[in-house]
Amino acid sequence: MEAFARALRLAVEAGNHDLQANIRYRAGRLLLHYDAVDPALTEFARGREAARLASSKLAQSILSANQAWAHAKKGDVAAALTCLRRARTEFADAQGTEPSPWAAFFGPTDLSAMAGTVHAELAQVVDVRHGRDGIPALAGAIAGYGPDMARSRSLTAIWLATVHALEGDLDIALEVGRDAIEVAGALRSPRTRQRLRTLSAAARRYPRDARARQIVERVETVGHSGQ
């Protein structure tokens, strides 16, 4: 985080609000990766304000979507869904405008993936029923990712398999999870391996089901191969 702090000081000195938004987004994502949710929320909120000052609706949408994810991790349904609605509005308002260079990556597929992620988190920490609202968004994101986005597609597919596992739809969870787990093993990405643990935890809710055991075993095989 020291590197982010130094970069932020320079961006503030330069009066570059767009760069501040970028730095705070990346710092927030790093904090979220380590489950430091409240500090991440602080970074996202300040980043969104910087994006507002930079008149970048797309950057605001990115920050709002990540605020939604952080609130979902805390189990705050109202705040998560409010931020997600705002992210969608800001994304729509950004169409036809010139995006900030760092925010240009964020397209409809990414927004769909974030929406699905928010609902998947709520399904884990609040009520499995929230997952149903995320299934179309997750499926749409998976279909939208091209071959150059293998990690993003794998991460999203793991969420989709997790949601189905939480719902008890183990046939679908196994089918979706099989390919996602295979890709995750090839990628050797810490993020995908971390996400696989959520799928394994969902499957372990059904210890007597052979399909659930297959999911757990496949995840464990990938985990062992990375050691």
Protein backbone atom coordinates (compact mmCIF):
# COMPACT_ATOMS: atom_id res chain seq x y z
CA MET A 1 0.00 0.00 0.00
CA GLU A 2 3.01 2.32 0.39
CA ALA A 3 3.36 2.57 -3.38
CA PHE A 4 -0.30 3.58 -3.68
CA ALA A 5 0.16 6.18 -0.93
CA ARG A 6 3.15 7.73 -2.71
CA ALA A 7 1.33 7.75 -6.04
CA LEU A 8 -1.71 9.31 -4.42
CA ARG A 9 0.34 12.11 -2.87
CA LEU A 10 1.77 12.96 -6.30
CA ALA A 11 -1.68 12.86 -7.90
CA VAL A 12 -3.07 15.17 -5.22
CA GLU A 13 -0.15 17.58 -5.63
CA ALA A 14 -0.77 17.62 -9.38
CA GLY A 15 -4.49 18.19 -8.87
CA ASN A 16 -5.21 15.18 -11.10
CA HIS A 17 -8.60 13.90 -9.94
CA ASP A 18 -8.82 11.20 -12.59
CA LEU A 19 -5.51 9.71 -11.49
CA GLN A 20 -6.63 9.86 -7.87
CA ALA A 21 -9.75 7.90 -8.78
CA ASN A 22 -7.63 5.28 -10.54
CA ILE A 23 -5.25 4.90 -7.60
CA ARG A 24 -8.02 4.67 -5.02
CA TYR A 25 -9.85 2.07 -7.14
CA ARG A 26 -6.76 -0.13 -7.31
CA ALA A 27 -5.96 0.34 -3.61
CA GLY A 28 -9.53 -0.55 -2.74
CA ARG A 29 -9.43 -3.71 -4.83
CA LEU A 30 -6.22 -4.81 -3.12
CA LEU A 31 -7.78 -4.22 0.30
CA LEU A 32 -10.90 -6.10 -0.74
CA HIS A 33 -8.74 -9.05 -1.84
CA TYR A 34 -7.47 -9.28 1.74
CA ASP A 35 -10.98 -8.84 3.19
CA ALA A 36 -10.17 -5.40 4.60
CA VAL A 37 -13.69 -4.34 3.65
CA ASP A 38 -14.11 -1.10 5.60
CA PRO A 39 -10.80 0.41 4.41
CA ALA A 40 -11.73 -0.68 0.88
CA LEU A 41 -15.07 1.12 1.17
CA THR A 42 -13.23 4.27 2.23
CA GLU A 43 -10.97 4.08 -0.83
CA PHE A 44 -13.88 3.43 -3.18
CA ALA A 45 -15.92 6.33 -1.75
CA ARG A 46 -13.01 8.75 -2.06
CA GLY A 47 -12.22 7.40 -5.50
CA ARG A 48 -15.79 7.93 -6.65
CA GLU A 49 -15.68 11.53 -5.40
CA ALA A 50 -12.43 12.06 -7.33
CA ALA A 51 -14.09 10.56 -10.42
CA ARG A 52 -17.00 12.98 -9.97
CA LEU A 53 -14.60 15.90 -9.82
CA ALA A 54 -12.94 14.55 -12.97
CA SER A 55 -16.39 14.40 -14.65
CA SER A 56 -15.86 10.73 -15.49
CA LYS A 57 -19.18 8.89 -15.30
CA LEU A 58 -17.58 5.60 -16.33
CA ALA A 59 -15.03 5.83 -13.53
CA GLN A 60 -17.86 6.66 -11.13
CA SER A 61 -19.68 3.54 -12.32
CA ILE A 62 -16.62 1.39 -11.65
CA LEU A 63 -16.24 2.78 -8.14
CA SER A 64 -19.95 2.43 -7.40
CA ALA A 65 -19.95 -1.19 -8.57
CA ASN A 66 -17.02 -1.95 -6.30
CA GLN A 67 -18.74 -0.21 -3.40
CA ALA A 68 -21.67 -2.53 -4.05
CA TRP A 69 -19.38 -5.55 -3.89
CA ALA A 70 -17.82 -4.38 -0.63
CA HIS A 71 -21.21 -3.77 0.97
CA ALA A 72 -22.32 -7.22 -0.19
CA LYS A 73 -19.31 -8.78 1.52
CA LYS A 74 -20.51 -7.09 4.72
CA GLY A 75 -24.01 -8.44 4.20
CA ASP A 76 -25.53 -4.97 3.81
CA VAL A 77 -28.21 -5.74 1.23
CA ALA A 78 -29.72 -2.25 1.00
CA ALA A 79 -26.39 -0.49 0.53
CA ALA A 80 -25.13 -3.09 -1.95
CA LEU A 81 -28.21 -2.89 -4.17
CA THR A 82 -28.33 0.91 -3.95
CA CYS A 83 -24.72 1.18 -5.13
CA LEU A 84 -25.35 -1.37 -7.87
CA ARG A 85 -28.33 0.59 -9.19
CA ARG A 86 -26.22 3.75 -9.13
CA ALA A 87 -23.42 1.98 -11.02
CA ARG A 88 -25.86 1.00 -13.75
CA THR A 89 -27.21 4.55 -14.02
CA GLU A 90 -23.72 6.02 -14.19
CA PHE A 91 -22.72 3.45 -16.80
CA ALA A 92 -25.71 4.41 -18.94
CA ASP A 93 -24.90 8.11 -18.52
CA ALA A 94 -21.32 7.45 -19.64
CA GLN A 95 -22.33 6.11 -23.04
CA GLY A 96 -21.25 8.39 -25.84
CA THR A 97 -18.67 10.19 -23.67
CA GLU A 98 -14.90 9.90 -23.87
CA PRO A 99 -13.82 7.57 -21.05
CA SER A 100 -10.80 8.06 -18.86
CA PRO A 101 -7.99 5.92 -20.30
CA TRP A 102 -7.78 3.75 -17.18
CA ALA A 103 -11.55 3.22 -17.07
CA ALA A 104 -11.96 2.26 -20.73
CA PHE A 105 -11.73 -1.46 -19.92
CA PHE A 106 -15.12 -1.38 -18.17
CA GLY A 107 -17.78 -2.43 -20.65
CA PRO A 108 -21.21 -4.08 -20.47
CA THR A 109 -19.68 -7.51 -19.80
CA ASP A 110 -17.69 -6.17 -16.85
CA LEU A 111 -20.74 -4.44 -15.40
CA SER A 112 -22.72 -7.66 -15.78
CA ALA A 113 -19.96 -9.61 -14.02
CA MET A 114 -19.93 -7.11 -11.15
CA ALA A 115 -23.71 -7.28 -10.80
CA GLY A 116 -23.55 -11.06 -10.66
CA THR A 117 -20.71 -10.89 -8.15
CA VAL A 118 -22.73 -8.66 -5.83
CA HIS A 119 -25.66 -11.07 -5.85
CA ALA A 120 -23.35 -14.06 -5.41
CA GLU A 121 -21.75 -12.47 -2.34
CA LEU A 122 -25.18 -11.74 -0.87
CA ALA A 123 -26.16 -15.35 -1.53
CA GLN A 124 -23.17 -16.47 0.53
CA VAL A 125 -23.42 -14.14 3.48
CA VAL A 126 -27.13 -13.26 3.68
CA ASP A 127 -29.51 -15.65 1.91
CA VAL A 128 -29.03 -18.09 -0.96
CA ARG A 129 -32.09 -16.60 -2.67
CA HIS A 130 -30.04 -13.56 -3.66
CA GLY A 131 -28.07 -15.78 -5.99
CA ARG A 132 -31.03 -16.28 -8.30
CA ASP A 133 -30.98 -12.59 -9.23
CA GLY A 134 -27.32 -12.88 -10.18
CA ILE A 135 -27.54 -15.94 -12.43
CA PRO A 136 -28.54 -14.10 -15.67
CA ALA A 137 -25.83 -11.47 -15.12
CA LEU A 138 -23.14 -14.09 -14.47
CA ALA A 139 -24.18 -16.19 -17.47
CA GLY A 140 -24.22 -13.10 -19.67
CA ALA A 141 -20.75 -12.08 -18.54
CA ILE A 142 -19.34 -15.55 -19.21
CA ALA A 143 -20.77 -15.43 -22.74
CA GLY A 144 -19.37 -11.93 -23.26
CA TYR A 145 -15.75 -12.60 -22.30
CA GLY A 146 -13.47 -13.35 -25.23
CA PRO A 147 -10.56 -15.83 -25.35
CA ASP A 148 -8.18 -13.15 -24.09
CA MET A 149 -10.15 -12.87 -20.84
CA ALA A 150 -9.70 -16.43 -19.58
CA ARG A 151 -9.12 -15.45 -15.96
CA SER A 152 -12.16 -13.17 -15.80
CA ARG A 153 -14.30 -15.83 -17.44
CA SER A 154 -13.03 -18.45 -14.98
CA LEU A 155 -13.67 -16.22 -11.96
CA THR A 156 -17.20 -15.49 -13.15
CA ALA A 157 -17.91 -19.15 -13.93
CA ILE A 158 -16.78 -20.11 -10.44
CA TRP A 159 -19.30 -17.61 -9.04
CA LEU A 160 -22.03 -19.09 -11.24
CA ALA A 161 -21.19 -22.63 -10.10
CA THR A 162 -21.14 -21.42 -6.48
CA VAL A 163 -24.59 -19.85 -6.76
CA HIS A 164 -26.02 -23.04 -8.24
CA ALA A 165 -24.34 -25.10 -5.52
CA LEU A 166 -25.81 -22.88 -2.82
CA GLU A 167 -29.23 -23.37 -4.40
CA GLY A 168 -28.74 -27.14 -4.43
CA ASP A 169 -28.64 -27.27 -8.25
CA LEU A 170 -25.67 -29.59 -8.14
CA ASP A 171 -25.93 -30.93 -11.69
CA ILE A 172 -25.50 -27.40 -13.06
CA ALA A 173 -22.89 -26.52 -10.43
CA LEU A 174 -20.83 -29.55 -11.43
CA GLU A 175 -21.17 -28.84 -15.15
CA VAL A 176 -20.27 -25.16 -14.89
CA GLY A 177 -17.66 -25.77 -12.22
CA ARG A 178 -15.84 -28.50 -14.14
CA ASP A 179 -14.59 -26.18 -16.88
CA ALA A 180 -14.00 -23.29 -14.50
CA ILE A 181 -11.86 -25.44 -12.21
CA GLU A 182 -9.86 -26.78 -15.14
CA VAL A 183 -9.13 -23.27 -16.43
CA ALA A 184 -8.28 -22.09 -12.90
CA GLY A 185 -5.74 -24.90 -12.57
CA ALA A 186 -4.05 -23.86 -15.80
CA LEU A 187 -3.98 -20.17 -14.89
CA ARG A 188 -2.32 -20.65 -11.49
CA SER A 189 -3.85 -17.35 -10.37
CA PRO A 190 -4.14 -16.64 -6.61
CA ARG A 191 -7.48 -14.91 -7.19
CA THR A 192 -8.99 -17.88 -8.98
CA ARG A 193 -7.73 -20.27 -6.32
CA GLN A 194 -9.19 -18.04 -3.63
CA ARG A 195 -12.52 -17.98 -5.47
CA LEU A 196 -12.46 -21.78 -5.78
CA ARG A 197 -12.58 -22.04 -2.01
CA THR A 198 -16.01 -20.37 -2.08
CA LEU A 199 -17.23 -23.02 -4.52
CA SER A 200 -15.82 -25.79 -2.37
CA ALA A 201 -17.49 -24.34 0.74
CA ALA A 202 -20.84 -24.21 -1.07
CA ALA A 203 -20.50 -27.82 -2.22
CA ARG A 204 -19.58 -29.00 1.28
CA ARG A 205 -23.08 -28.12 2.39
CA TYR A 206 -24.10 -31.42 0.76
CA PRO A 207 -21.58 -33.94 2.11
CA ARG A 208 -23.66 -36.97 1.14
CA ASP A 209 -24.14 -35.95 -2.48
CA ALA A 210 -21.74 -37.51 -4.99
CA ARG A 211 -21.89 -34.46 -7.27
CA ALA A 212 -20.91 -32.16 -4.41
CA ARG A 213 -18.05 -34.47 -3.49
CA GLN A 214 -16.81 -34.36 -7.08
CA ILE A 215 -16.70 -30.56 -6.94
CA VAL A 216 -14.79 -30.60 -3.66
CA GLU A 217 -12.34 -33.21 -4.96
CA ARG A 218 -11.68 -31.27 -8.15
CA VAL A 219 -11.04 -28.08 -6.19
CA GLU A 220 -8.69 -29.92 -3.85
CA THR A 221 -6.79 -31.37 -6.83
CA VAL A 222 -6.20 -27.88 -8.20
CA GLY A 223 -5.13 -26.69 -4.74
CA HIS A 224 -2.61 -29.49 -4.37
CA SER A 225 -1.21 -28.90 -7.85
CA GLY A 226 -0.41 -25.31 -6.93
CA GLN A 227 1.56 -26.17 -3.81
